[in-house]
Amino acid sequence: MEVSLMHVYLGVVAMLIALGLITLAGKPSVKPTRFQALWEGYVRFVRSMVLENMGHEGLRYVPLIASIGLFVFFSNLLGMVPGLEAPTANVNTNLALALIVFLFYNIEGFRLHGIGYLKHFMGPSPYLAPVFFIIEIISHLARPITLTLRLFANMKGGAMLLATLVGLVVEYKMVMPVSPVFLIFIIAIKFLAVFIQTYIFMILSTVYLAGAVAHEEH
């Protein structure tokens, strides 16, 4: 049975697009171009999100969250190209991303807190610690699964919906002209899904990481 690797190739394309655009932006300058200002705005947005959830100590994770956001965004965006399927519409791509986030935040938790990181799983009461520990372990193991399936379902479902709507438009247009406004509306809805799903993956990754690196007094 032949296994399709198209999602892998398109994932590489998404990474190359992101790297290419970042390279074109060049070094920061006193008077940035509009293109540079766009990238600076993105970095400020990620920085603000990290600061809000982790404080200044979390700034070291800005490159990670920003990179995840760029990959997910351009992967989602490739699904807008006729004949292509977004890499994020494949469960394998999303699972790989989710496992990176899952492993990274747990490794960081143990690196910063040592064995004391396990206190995050014990709950507020020592008497109920065994119960909370089981619940927390199940909850944490479910995180990569939910991250994977949420992005997969939305991008796969969105692609199917878009294909259905376009098919209806083509068939309907054979009978009478279709308003360009309707076509723009369909594309706008798809673009909105691309942005929303990227943001959701980024903010959940940030929240999971914040919970792992947070100090007890916080």
N, C-alpha and C. Protein backbone atom coordinates (compact mmCIF):
# COMPACT_ATOMS: atom_id res chain seq x y z
N MET A 1 0.85 -1.20 0.00
CA MET A 1 0.00 0.00 0.00
C MET A 1 0.89 1.25 0.00
N GLU A 2 0.71 2.12 -0.96
CA GLU A 2 1.53 3.32 -1.08
C GLU A 2 1.02 4.41 -0.16
N VAL A 3 1.93 4.98 0.60
CA VAL A 3 1.59 6.04 1.54
C VAL A 3 1.94 7.39 0.93
N SER A 4 0.96 8.30 0.90
CA SER A 4 1.19 9.62 0.32
C SER A 4 2.00 10.49 1.28
N LEU A 5 3.03 11.13 0.76
CA LEU A 5 3.86 12.03 1.55
C LEU A 5 3.65 13.48 1.14
N MET A 6 2.54 13.74 0.45
CA MET A 6 2.29 15.09 -0.04
C MET A 6 2.24 16.09 1.11
N HIS A 7 1.68 15.70 2.26
CA HIS A 7 1.60 16.63 3.38
C HIS A 7 3.00 16.99 3.90
N VAL A 8 3.95 16.05 3.76
CA VAL A 8 5.33 16.33 4.17
C VAL A 8 5.96 17.35 3.23
N TYR A 9 5.80 17.13 1.92
CA TYR A 9 6.35 18.05 0.94
C TYR A 9 5.76 19.44 1.08
N LEU A 10 4.45 19.50 1.27
CA LEU A 10 3.80 20.80 1.42
C LEU A 10 4.19 21.47 2.73
N GLY A 11 4.46 20.66 3.77
CA GLY A 11 4.96 21.22 5.02
C GLY A 11 6.32 21.87 4.84
N VAL A 12 7.17 21.23 4.04
CA VAL A 12 8.48 21.82 3.73
C VAL A 12 8.30 23.11 2.94
N VAL A 13 7.34 23.11 2.02
CA VAL A 13 7.05 24.32 1.25
C VAL A 13 6.62 25.45 2.18
N ALA A 14 5.77 25.14 3.16
CA ALA A 14 5.31 26.16 4.11
C ALA A 14 6.49 26.73 4.89
N MET A 15 7.42 25.87 5.30
CA MET A 15 8.60 26.35 6.03
C MET A 15 9.48 27.22 5.14
N LEU A 16 9.65 26.82 3.88
CA LEU A 16 10.48 27.60 2.96
C LEU A 16 9.87 28.97 2.67
N ILE A 17 8.54 29.00 2.56
CA ILE A 17 7.86 30.29 2.34
C ILE A 17 8.11 31.22 3.52
N ALA A 18 7.94 30.70 4.74
CA ALA A 18 8.16 31.51 5.93
C ALA A 18 9.60 32.00 6.01
N LEU A 19 10.57 31.10 5.78
CA LEU A 19 11.98 31.48 5.83
C LEU A 19 12.33 32.49 4.74
N GLY A 20 11.76 32.29 3.55
CA GLY A 20 12.02 33.21 2.44
C GLY A 20 11.52 34.60 2.73
N LEU A 21 10.30 34.71 3.27
CA LEU A 21 9.73 36.03 3.56
C LEU A 21 10.48 36.73 4.69
N ILE A 22 10.92 35.94 5.68
CA ILE A 22 11.70 36.53 6.78
C ILE A 22 13.03 37.05 6.26
N THR A 23 13.64 36.29 5.36
CA THR A 23 14.92 36.71 4.77
C THR A 23 14.74 37.99 3.96
N LEU A 24 13.64 38.08 3.22
CA LEU A 24 13.38 39.27 2.42
C LEU A 24 13.18 40.51 3.30
N ALA A 25 12.67 40.29 4.50
CA ALA A 25 12.44 41.43 5.40
C ALA A 25 13.75 42.10 5.79
N GLY A 26 14.84 41.32 5.84
CA GLY A 26 16.15 41.90 6.15
C GLY A 26 16.29 42.25 7.63
N LYS A 27 17.35 42.98 7.93
CA LYS A 27 17.64 43.36 9.30
C LYS A 27 16.74 44.52 9.74
N PRO A 28 16.46 44.61 11.06
CA PRO A 28 15.66 45.74 11.56
C PRO A 28 16.36 47.06 11.27
N SER A 29 15.57 48.08 11.00
CA SER A 29 16.13 49.39 10.71
C SER A 29 15.35 50.47 11.44
N VAL A 30 15.96 51.65 11.52
CA VAL A 30 15.31 52.77 12.20
C VAL A 30 14.03 53.16 11.48
N LYS A 31 14.08 53.14 10.15
CA LYS A 31 12.91 53.44 9.34
C LYS A 31 12.52 52.18 8.55
N PRO A 32 11.75 51.30 9.19
CA PRO A 32 11.41 50.04 8.54
C PRO A 32 10.45 50.26 7.37
N THR A 33 10.56 49.38 6.39
CA THR A 33 9.61 49.39 5.28
C THR A 33 8.28 48.82 5.77
N ARG A 34 7.27 48.91 4.94
CA ARG A 34 5.97 48.36 5.33
C ARG A 34 6.06 46.86 5.54
N PHE A 35 6.88 46.21 4.72
CA PHE A 35 7.05 44.77 4.85
C PHE A 35 7.73 44.43 6.17
N GLN A 36 8.76 45.20 6.53
CA GLN A 36 9.43 45.00 7.81
C GLN A 36 8.49 45.31 8.97
N ALA A 37 7.69 46.35 8.80
CA ALA A 37 6.75 46.73 9.86
C ALA A 37 5.73 45.62 10.10
N LEU A 38 5.37 44.92 9.03
CA LEU A 38 4.43 43.81 9.16
C LEU A 38 5.02 42.71 10.04
N TRP A 39 6.28 42.36 9.79
CA TRP A 39 6.94 41.32 10.58
C TRP A 39 7.17 41.78 12.01
N GLU A 40 7.53 43.04 12.19
CA GLU A 40 7.73 43.56 13.54
C GLU A 40 6.41 43.54 14.32
N GLY A 41 5.32 43.83 13.62
CA GLY A 41 4.01 43.76 14.26
C GLY A 41 3.68 42.35 14.71
N TYR A 42 4.04 41.37 13.89
CA TYR A 42 3.81 39.97 14.26
C TYR A 42 4.62 39.59 15.49
N VAL A 43 5.89 39.99 15.51
CA VAL A 43 6.75 39.68 16.66
C VAL A 43 6.22 40.35 17.92
N ARG A 44 5.77 41.60 17.80
CA ARG A 44 5.20 42.29 18.96
C ARG A 44 3.94 41.59 19.45
N PHE A 45 3.14 41.08 18.51
CA PHE A 45 1.93 40.37 18.89
C PHE A 45 2.27 39.10 19.69
N VAL A 46 3.24 38.33 19.20
CA VAL A 46 3.65 37.11 19.90
C VAL A 46 4.26 37.46 21.25
N ARG A 47 5.09 38.50 21.26
CA ARG A 47 5.73 38.92 22.50
C ARG A 47 4.69 39.33 23.54
N SER A 48 3.68 40.05 23.10
CA SER A 48 2.61 40.48 24.01
C SER A 48 1.85 39.27 24.56
N MET A 49 1.60 38.28 23.71
CA MET A 49 0.88 37.09 24.15
C MET A 49 1.69 36.32 25.18
N VAL A 50 2.99 36.21 24.95
CA VAL A 50 3.86 35.50 25.89
C VAL A 50 3.97 36.26 27.21
N LEU A 51 4.13 37.58 27.14
CA LEU A 51 4.23 38.38 28.35
C LEU A 51 2.96 38.28 29.19
N GLU A 52 1.83 38.27 28.53
CA GLU A 52 0.55 38.21 29.25
C GLU A 52 0.39 36.89 30.00
N ASN A 53 0.93 35.82 29.45
CA ASN A 53 0.74 34.50 30.06
C ASN A 53 1.91 34.04 30.92
N MET A 54 3.13 34.53 30.63
CA MET A 54 4.31 34.04 31.35
C MET A 54 5.16 35.11 31.99
N GLY A 55 4.91 36.36 31.69
CA GLY A 55 5.76 37.41 32.21
C GLY A 55 7.06 37.51 31.43
N HIS A 56 7.99 38.34 31.93
CA HIS A 56 9.24 38.60 31.21
C HIS A 56 10.12 37.35 31.11
N GLU A 57 9.99 36.43 32.05
CA GLU A 57 10.79 35.21 31.99
C GLU A 57 10.42 34.34 30.80
N GLY A 58 9.25 34.58 30.25
CA GLY A 58 8.81 33.77 29.12
C GLY A 58 9.27 34.28 27.77
N LEU A 59 9.98 35.41 27.75
CA LEU A 59 10.42 35.98 26.47
C LEU A 59 11.34 35.04 25.71
N ARG A 60 12.01 34.15 26.43
CA ARG A 60 12.92 33.20 25.76
C ARG A 60 12.14 32.26 24.83
N TYR A 61 10.82 32.16 25.03
CA TYR A 61 10.01 31.24 24.24
C TYR A 61 9.33 31.92 23.05
N VAL A 62 9.56 33.22 22.88
CA VAL A 62 8.95 33.94 21.76
C VAL A 62 9.33 33.32 20.41
N PRO A 63 10.62 33.01 20.17
CA PRO A 63 10.96 32.40 18.88
C PRO A 63 10.22 31.09 18.61
N LEU A 64 10.03 30.27 19.64
CA LEU A 64 9.32 29.00 19.47
C LEU A 64 7.87 29.23 19.06
N ILE A 65 7.17 30.07 19.82
CA ILE A 65 5.76 30.33 19.55
C ILE A 65 5.59 31.01 18.19
N ALA A 66 6.49 31.95 17.88
CA ALA A 66 6.41 32.65 16.59
C ALA A 66 6.65 31.68 15.43
N SER A 67 7.58 30.76 15.59
CA SER A 67 7.87 29.78 14.54
C SER A 67 6.70 28.83 14.32
N ILE A 68 6.10 28.38 15.42
CA ILE A 68 4.94 27.51 15.32
C ILE A 68 3.81 28.23 14.59
N GLY A 69 3.60 29.50 14.95
CA GLY A 69 2.54 30.28 14.31
C GLY A 69 2.75 30.43 12.82
N LEU A 70 3.99 30.71 12.41
CA LEU A 70 4.28 30.88 10.99
C LEU A 70 4.07 29.58 10.22
N PHE A 71 4.52 28.48 10.79
CA PHE A 71 4.35 27.20 10.10
C PHE A 71 2.88 26.84 9.96
N VAL A 72 2.12 26.99 11.03
CA VAL A 72 0.70 26.65 10.98
C VAL A 72 -0.03 27.57 10.02
N PHE A 73 0.30 28.87 10.05
CA PHE A 73 -0.38 29.83 9.18
C PHE A 73 -0.15 29.51 7.70
N PHE A 74 1.10 29.36 7.31
CA PHE A 74 1.39 29.11 5.89
C PHE A 74 0.94 27.71 5.46
N SER A 75 0.94 26.77 6.39
CA SER A 75 0.39 25.45 6.07
C SER A 75 -1.10 25.55 5.81
N ASN A 76 -1.80 26.29 6.68
CA ASN A 76 -3.23 26.50 6.48
C ASN A 76 -3.49 27.23 5.16
N LEU A 77 -2.63 28.21 4.88
CA LEU A 77 -2.82 29.05 3.69
C LEU A 77 -2.67 28.25 2.40
N LEU A 78 -1.82 27.24 2.41
CA LEU A 78 -1.64 26.41 1.22
C LEU A 78 -2.93 25.71 0.82
N GLY A 79 -3.80 25.50 1.79
CA GLY A 79 -5.09 24.89 1.50
C GLY A 79 -6.00 25.77 0.68
N MET A 80 -5.63 27.06 0.55
CA MET A 80 -6.40 27.98 -0.27
C MET A 80 -6.06 27.85 -1.75
N VAL A 81 -4.94 27.20 -2.05
CA VAL A 81 -4.51 27.05 -3.44
C VAL A 81 -5.28 25.90 -4.08
N PRO A 82 -5.96 26.14 -5.18
CA PRO A 82 -6.72 25.08 -5.85
C PRO A 82 -5.84 23.87 -6.18
N GLY A 83 -6.31 22.70 -5.84
CA GLY A 83 -5.57 21.48 -6.13
C GLY A 83 -4.63 21.04 -5.03
N LEU A 84 -4.42 21.91 -4.02
CA LEU A 84 -3.54 21.55 -2.91
C LEU A 84 -4.34 21.37 -1.63
N GLU A 85 -3.82 20.53 -0.75
CA GLU A 85 -4.44 20.33 0.55
C GLU A 85 -3.49 20.83 1.62
N ALA A 86 -4.00 21.56 2.57
CA ALA A 86 -3.16 22.10 3.63
C ALA A 86 -2.46 20.98 4.39
N PRO A 87 -1.17 21.10 4.67
CA PRO A 87 -0.48 20.09 5.49
C PRO A 87 -1.17 19.87 6.83
N THR A 88 -1.78 20.93 7.35
CA THR A 88 -2.48 20.83 8.63
C THR A 88 -3.84 20.13 8.50
N ALA A 89 -4.23 19.80 7.26
CA ALA A 89 -5.44 18.99 7.06
C ALA A 89 -5.09 17.51 7.13
N ASN A 90 -3.83 17.22 7.47
CA ASN A 90 -3.37 15.84 7.66
C ASN A 90 -3.04 15.65 9.12
N VAL A 91 -3.57 14.60 9.71
CA VAL A 91 -3.43 14.39 11.15
C VAL A 91 -1.97 14.16 11.55
N ASN A 92 -1.16 13.63 10.66
CA ASN A 92 0.24 13.36 11.00
C ASN A 92 1.04 14.65 11.23
N THR A 93 0.80 15.65 10.39
CA THR A 93 1.47 16.94 10.56
C THR A 93 1.11 17.56 11.90
N ASN A 94 -0.15 17.56 12.23
CA ASN A 94 -0.62 18.18 13.46
C ASN A 94 -0.13 17.42 14.69
N LEU A 95 -0.10 16.09 14.59
CA LEU A 95 0.38 15.29 15.72
C LEU A 95 1.86 15.57 15.98
N ALA A 96 2.64 15.72 14.93
CA ALA A 96 4.06 16.04 15.10
C ALA A 96 4.23 17.38 15.81
N LEU A 97 3.45 18.38 15.39
CA LEU A 97 3.51 19.69 16.05
C LEU A 97 3.08 19.61 17.51
N ALA A 98 1.99 18.90 17.75
CA ALA A 98 1.45 18.79 19.10
C ALA A 98 2.43 18.06 20.03
N LEU A 99 3.11 17.04 19.52
CA LEU A 99 4.08 16.31 20.33
C LEU A 99 5.31 17.18 20.64
N ILE A 100 5.70 18.04 19.70
CA ILE A 100 6.80 18.97 19.95
C ILE A 100 6.45 19.87 21.14
N VAL A 101 5.23 20.43 21.09
CA VAL A 101 4.77 21.30 22.18
C VAL A 101 4.70 20.53 23.49
N PHE A 102 4.12 19.33 23.46
CA PHE A 102 3.93 18.51 24.66
C PHE A 102 5.28 18.15 25.30
N LEU A 103 6.20 17.66 24.50
CA LEU A 103 7.51 17.27 25.02
C LEU A 103 8.30 18.47 25.51
N PHE A 104 8.21 19.58 24.76
CA PHE A 104 9.00 20.76 25.13
C PHE A 104 8.55 21.34 26.46
N TYR A 105 7.25 21.50 26.67
CA TYR A 105 6.83 22.15 27.91
C TYR A 105 7.07 21.25 29.13
N ASN A 106 6.99 19.94 28.95
CA ASN A 106 7.30 19.04 30.07
C ASN A 106 8.80 19.02 30.37
N ILE A 107 9.62 19.02 29.32
CA ILE A 107 11.07 19.08 29.52
C ILE A 107 11.46 20.37 30.23
N GLU A 108 10.85 21.49 29.81
CA GLU A 108 11.13 22.76 30.45
C GLU A 108 10.66 22.76 31.91
N GLY A 109 9.53 22.12 32.17
CA GLY A 109 9.04 22.04 33.54
C GLY A 109 10.03 21.33 34.45
N PHE A 110 10.56 20.19 34.01
CA PHE A 110 11.53 19.46 34.80
C PHE A 110 12.87 20.20 34.87
N ARG A 111 13.23 20.89 33.79
CA ARG A 111 14.50 21.62 33.79
C ARG A 111 14.49 22.76 34.80
N LEU A 112 13.37 23.45 34.91
CA LEU A 112 13.28 24.60 35.79
C LEU A 112 12.97 24.23 37.24
N HIS A 113 12.17 23.18 37.44
CA HIS A 113 11.70 22.85 38.78
C HIS A 113 12.25 21.54 39.31
N GLY A 114 12.92 20.78 38.45
CA GLY A 114 13.41 19.47 38.89
C GLY A 114 12.25 18.54 39.19
N ILE A 115 12.45 17.70 40.19
CA ILE A 115 11.40 16.76 40.56
C ILE A 115 10.18 17.48 41.14
N GLY A 116 10.40 18.74 41.57
CA GLY A 116 9.30 19.54 42.10
C GLY A 116 8.23 19.85 41.07
N TYR A 117 8.55 19.63 39.79
CA TYR A 117 7.56 19.85 38.72
C TYR A 117 6.35 18.95 38.90
N LEU A 118 6.56 17.81 39.54
CA LEU A 118 5.46 16.87 39.76
C LEU A 118 4.39 17.46 40.68
N LYS A 119 4.75 18.51 41.43
CA LYS A 119 3.75 19.15 42.30
C LYS A 119 2.63 19.76 41.48
N HIS A 120 2.93 20.09 40.20
CA HIS A 120 1.88 20.64 39.32
C HIS A 120 0.75 19.64 39.10
N PHE A 121 1.04 18.37 39.33
CA PHE A 121 0.07 17.32 39.06
C PHE A 121 -0.66 16.86 40.33
N MET A 122 -0.29 17.43 41.48
CA MET A 122 -0.79 16.90 42.75
C MET A 122 -2.05 17.59 43.28
N GLY A 123 -2.40 18.73 42.71
CA GLY A 123 -3.59 19.41 43.19
C GLY A 123 -3.32 20.20 44.46
N PRO A 124 -4.33 20.90 44.98
CA PRO A 124 -4.13 21.78 46.15
C PRO A 124 -4.09 21.05 47.49
N SER A 125 -4.63 19.84 47.55
CA SER A 125 -4.72 19.12 48.83
C SER A 125 -3.85 17.86 48.80
N PRO A 126 -2.97 17.68 49.80
CA PRO A 126 -2.14 16.47 49.83
C PRO A 126 -2.96 15.20 50.01
N TYR A 127 -4.13 15.33 50.62
CA TYR A 127 -4.97 14.16 50.84
C TYR A 127 -5.59 13.65 49.54
N LEU A 128 -5.81 14.55 48.62
CA LEU A 128 -6.41 14.17 47.34
C LEU A 128 -5.38 14.07 46.23
N ALA A 129 -4.10 14.16 46.60
CA ALA A 129 -3.03 14.14 45.61
C ALA A 129 -3.07 12.93 44.68
N PRO A 130 -3.29 11.71 45.19
CA PRO A 130 -3.34 10.55 44.27
C PRO A 130 -4.43 10.67 43.21
N VAL A 131 -5.58 11.20 43.62
CA VAL A 131 -6.69 11.36 42.68
C VAL A 131 -6.36 12.43 41.65
N PHE A 132 -5.87 13.57 42.15
CA PHE A 132 -5.51 14.66 41.24
C PHE A 132 -4.39 14.26 40.30
N PHE A 133 -3.46 13.45 40.78
CA PHE A 133 -2.33 13.04 39.95
C PHE A 133 -2.82 12.25 38.74
N ILE A 134 -3.74 11.33 38.97
CA ILE A 134 -4.28 10.52 37.87
C ILE A 134 -5.05 11.42 36.88
N ILE A 135 -5.86 12.33 37.45
CA ILE A 135 -6.65 13.23 36.59
C ILE A 135 -5.74 14.12 35.76
N GLU A 136 -4.70 14.67 36.40
CA GLU A 136 -3.79 15.58 35.70
C GLU A 136 -2.99 14.85 34.62
N ILE A 137 -2.57 13.63 34.90
CA ILE A 137 -1.82 12.86 33.90
C ILE A 137 -2.69 12.61 32.67
N ILE A 138 -3.94 12.21 32.91
CA ILE A 138 -4.87 11.99 31.79
C ILE A 138 -5.10 13.29 31.03
N SER A 139 -5.25 14.40 31.77
CA SER A 139 -5.48 15.70 31.14
C SER A 139 -4.30 16.11 30.26
N HIS A 140 -3.09 15.91 30.77
CA HIS A 140 -1.91 16.30 30.01
C HIS A 140 -1.71 15.40 28.78
N LEU A 141 -1.98 14.12 28.93
CA LEU A 141 -1.85 13.21 27.79
C LEU A 141 -2.89 13.52 26.71
N ALA A 142 -4.01 14.10 27.14
CA ALA A 142 -5.06 14.44 26.18
C ALA A 142 -4.74 15.71 25.39
N ARG A 143 -3.82 16.51 25.90
CA ARG A 143 -3.52 17.79 25.24
C ARG A 143 -3.00 17.63 23.81
N PRO A 144 -1.98 16.79 23.57
CA PRO A 144 -1.54 16.65 22.17
C PRO A 144 -2.62 16.08 21.26
N ILE A 145 -3.50 15.26 21.83
CA ILE A 145 -4.59 14.68 21.03
C ILE A 145 -5.58 15.76 20.64
N THR A 146 -5.95 16.60 21.60
CA THR A 146 -6.92 17.65 21.30
C THR A 146 -6.32 18.71 20.38
N LEU A 147 -5.02 19.04 20.58
CA LEU A 147 -4.37 19.97 19.68
C LEU A 147 -4.37 19.45 18.25
N THR A 148 -4.09 18.15 18.13
CA THR A 148 -4.04 17.52 16.81
C THR A 148 -5.40 17.52 16.14
N LEU A 149 -6.39 17.02 16.84
CA LEU A 149 -7.70 16.82 16.24
C LEU A 149 -8.43 18.14 15.99
N ARG A 150 -8.22 19.12 16.86
CA ARG A 150 -8.90 20.41 16.67
C ARG A 150 -8.45 21.06 15.36
N LEU A 151 -7.15 21.12 15.15
CA LEU A 151 -6.63 21.74 13.93
C LEU A 151 -6.98 20.90 12.71
N PHE A 152 -6.84 19.59 12.84
CA PHE A 152 -7.14 18.69 11.71
C PHE A 152 -8.60 18.80 11.29
N ALA A 153 -9.51 18.73 12.27
CA ALA A 153 -10.94 18.76 11.96
C ALA A 153 -11.35 20.07 11.30
N ASN A 154 -10.82 21.17 11.81
CA ASN A 154 -11.21 22.47 11.26
C ASN A 154 -10.65 22.69 9.86
N MET A 155 -9.40 22.30 9.63
CA MET A 155 -8.81 22.53 8.31
C MET A 155 -9.34 21.52 7.30
N LYS A 156 -9.51 20.28 7.69
CA LYS A 156 -10.06 19.27 6.77
C LYS A 156 -11.51 19.59 6.46
N GLY A 157 -12.28 19.90 7.51
CA GLY A 157 -13.68 20.25 7.30
C GLY A 157 -13.83 21.52 6.49
N GLY A 158 -12.96 22.51 6.75
CA GLY A 158 -13.01 23.75 6.00
C GLY A 158 -12.71 23.53 4.53
N ALA A 159 -11.74 22.64 4.24
CA ALA A 159 -11.39 22.35 2.85
C ALA A 159 -12.55 21.67 2.13
N MET A 160 -13.20 20.74 2.83
CA MET A 160 -14.34 20.04 2.23
C MET A 160 -15.50 21.00 1.99
N LEU A 161 -15.73 21.90 2.95
CA LEU A 161 -16.81 22.86 2.80
C LEU A 161 -16.54 23.82 1.65
N LEU A 162 -15.28 24.27 1.55
CA LEU A 162 -14.92 25.18 0.47
C LEU A 162 -15.09 24.51 -0.88
N ALA A 163 -14.66 23.24 -0.98
CA ALA A 163 -14.79 22.51 -2.24
C ALA A 163 -16.26 22.34 -2.62
N THR A 164 -17.10 22.08 -1.62
CA THR A 164 -18.54 21.91 -1.86
C THR A 164 -19.16 23.21 -2.35
N LEU A 165 -18.81 24.33 -1.67
CA LEU A 165 -19.37 25.63 -2.05
C LEU A 165 -18.92 26.05 -3.45
N VAL A 166 -17.65 25.81 -3.74
CA VAL A 166 -17.15 26.16 -5.08
C VAL A 166 -17.85 25.32 -6.13
N GLY A 167 -18.05 24.02 -5.83
CA GLY A 167 -18.77 23.15 -6.76
C GLY A 167 -20.18 23.64 -7.02
N LEU A 168 -20.85 24.08 -5.96
CA LEU A 168 -22.21 24.60 -6.11
C LEU A 168 -22.21 25.89 -6.93
N VAL A 169 -21.20 26.74 -6.70
CA VAL A 169 -21.12 27.99 -7.44
C VAL A 169 -20.93 27.71 -8.93
N VAL A 170 -20.02 26.77 -9.24
CA VAL A 170 -19.77 26.43 -10.64
C VAL A 170 -21.03 25.88 -11.30
N GLU A 171 -21.72 25.01 -10.59
CA GLU A 171 -22.94 24.42 -11.15
C GLU A 171 -24.04 25.45 -11.29
N TYR A 172 -24.14 26.33 -10.27
CA TYR A 172 -25.18 27.35 -10.30
C TYR A 172 -24.91 28.38 -11.39
N LYS A 173 -23.62 28.65 -11.63
CA LYS A 173 -23.24 29.66 -12.62
C LYS A 173 -23.63 29.24 -14.03
N MET A 174 -23.78 27.95 -14.22
CA MET A 174 -24.19 27.47 -15.53
C MET A 174 -25.62 27.87 -15.85
N VAL A 175 -26.39 28.11 -14.78
CA VAL A 175 -27.79 28.49 -14.96
C VAL A 175 -27.94 30.00 -15.05
N MET A 176 -27.28 30.72 -14.12
CA MET A 176 -27.34 32.18 -14.11
C MET A 176 -26.05 32.73 -13.48
N PRO A 177 -25.68 33.98 -13.77
CA PRO A 177 -24.44 34.55 -13.23
C PRO A 177 -24.46 34.57 -11.70
N VAL A 178 -23.26 34.36 -11.14
CA VAL A 178 -23.10 34.39 -9.68
C VAL A 178 -22.43 35.70 -9.29
N SER A 179 -22.93 36.33 -8.25
CA SER A 179 -22.38 37.60 -7.80
C SER A 179 -20.94 37.42 -7.30
N PRO A 180 -20.02 38.31 -7.72
CA PRO A 180 -18.64 38.25 -7.22
C PRO A 180 -18.58 38.41 -5.70
N VAL A 181 -19.57 39.09 -5.15
CA VAL A 181 -19.60 39.29 -3.70
C VAL A 181 -19.69 37.95 -2.98
N PHE A 182 -20.47 37.04 -3.54
CA PHE A 182 -20.61 35.71 -2.93
C PHE A 182 -19.29 34.96 -2.96
N LEU A 183 -18.57 35.06 -4.08
CA LEU A 183 -17.27 34.40 -4.18
C LEU A 183 -16.27 34.99 -3.18
N ILE A 184 -16.29 36.31 -3.05
CA ILE A 184 -15.41 36.97 -2.09
C ILE A 184 -15.76 36.55 -0.67
N PHE A 185 -17.05 36.38 -0.40
CA PHE A 185 -17.50 35.96 0.93
C PHE A 185 -16.96 34.57 1.26
N ILE A 186 -16.99 33.65 0.31
CA ILE A 186 -16.48 32.30 0.53
C ILE A 186 -14.99 32.33 0.85
N ILE A 187 -14.24 33.11 0.06
CA ILE A 187 -12.79 33.21 0.27
C ILE A 187 -12.49 33.86 1.62
N ALA A 188 -13.26 34.88 1.99
CA ALA A 188 -13.06 35.57 3.26
C ALA A 188 -13.28 34.63 4.44
N ILE A 189 -14.29 33.79 4.34
CA ILE A 189 -14.58 32.83 5.42
C ILE A 189 -13.41 31.87 5.59
N LYS A 190 -12.85 31.41 4.48
CA LYS A 190 -11.71 30.50 4.53
C LYS A 190 -10.50 31.19 5.13
N PHE A 191 -10.24 32.44 4.74
CA PHE A 191 -9.13 33.20 5.30
C PHE A 191 -9.30 33.37 6.81
N LEU A 192 -10.52 33.64 7.23
CA LEU A 192 -10.79 33.82 8.65
C LEU A 192 -10.47 32.54 9.42
N ALA A 193 -10.82 31.40 8.86
CA ALA A 193 -10.52 30.11 9.50
C ALA A 193 -9.01 29.90 9.61
N VAL A 194 -8.27 30.31 8.57
CA VAL A 194 -6.81 30.19 8.59
C VAL A 194 -6.22 30.95 9.76
N PHE A 195 -6.66 32.19 9.96
CA PHE A 195 -6.14 33.02 11.05
C PHE A 195 -6.58 32.49 12.41
N ILE A 196 -7.84 32.14 12.53
CA ILE A 196 -8.36 31.70 13.83
C ILE A 196 -7.67 30.43 14.29
N GLN A 197 -7.53 29.45 13.41
CA GLN A 197 -6.90 28.18 13.79
C GLN A 197 -5.42 28.36 14.12
N THR A 198 -4.77 29.28 13.45
CA THR A 198 -3.37 29.57 13.78
C THR A 198 -3.27 30.16 15.18
N TYR A 199 -4.14 31.11 15.46
CA TYR A 199 -4.13 31.76 16.77
C TYR A 199 -4.44 30.76 17.88
N ILE A 200 -5.41 29.90 17.67
CA ILE A 200 -5.79 28.93 18.70
C ILE A 200 -4.63 28.00 19.02
N PHE A 201 -3.93 27.53 17.99
CA PHE A 201 -2.79 26.64 18.24
C PHE A 201 -1.69 27.38 19.00
N MET A 202 -1.46 28.63 18.65
CA MET A 202 -0.42 29.42 19.31
C MET A 202 -0.77 29.70 20.77
N ILE A 203 -2.00 30.12 21.03
CA ILE A 203 -2.37 30.50 22.39
C ILE A 203 -2.42 29.28 23.30
N LEU A 204 -2.88 28.14 22.79
CA LEU A 204 -2.90 26.93 23.61
C LEU A 204 -1.48 26.46 23.92
N SER A 205 -0.59 26.55 22.93
CA SER A 205 0.81 26.19 23.17
C SER A 205 1.42 27.09 24.23
N THR A 206 1.09 28.38 24.17
CA THR A 206 1.60 29.33 25.16
C THR A 206 1.06 29.03 26.55
N VAL A 207 -0.21 28.74 26.64
CA VAL A 207 -0.84 28.46 27.94
C VAL A 207 -0.26 27.18 28.55
N TYR A 208 -0.08 26.15 27.75
CA TYR A 208 0.49 24.90 28.25
C TYR A 208 1.91 25.13 28.76
N LEU A 209 2.68 25.90 28.01
CA LEU A 209 4.06 26.18 28.40
C LEU A 209 4.08 27.04 29.66
N ALA A 210 3.18 28.00 29.74
CA ALA A 210 3.11 28.87 30.93
C ALA A 210 2.81 28.06 32.18
N GLY A 211 1.90 27.09 32.06
CA GLY A 211 1.56 26.26 33.22
C GLY A 211 2.74 25.42 33.69
N ALA A 212 3.61 25.03 32.78
CA ALA A 212 4.75 24.17 33.14
C ALA A 212 5.88 24.96 33.78
N VAL A 213 6.11 26.19 33.32
CA VAL A 213 7.26 26.96 33.81
C VAL A 213 6.91 27.90 34.95
N ALA A 214 5.60 28.00 35.28
CA ALA A 214 5.19 28.92 36.33
C ALA A 214 5.76 28.51 37.67
N HIS A 215 6.13 29.51 38.47
CA HIS A 215 6.64 29.24 39.82
C HIS A 215 5.47 29.03 40.76
N GLU A 216 5.72 28.35 41.84
CA GLU A 216 4.65 28.02 42.78
C GLU A 216 3.99 29.25 43.36
N GLU A 217 4.79 30.31 43.61
CA GLU A 217 4.19 31.50 44.21
C GLU A 217 3.25 32.23 43.26
N HIS A 218 3.32 31.90 41.95
CA HIS A 218 2.42 32.52 40.98
C HIS A 218 1.10 31.78 40.91
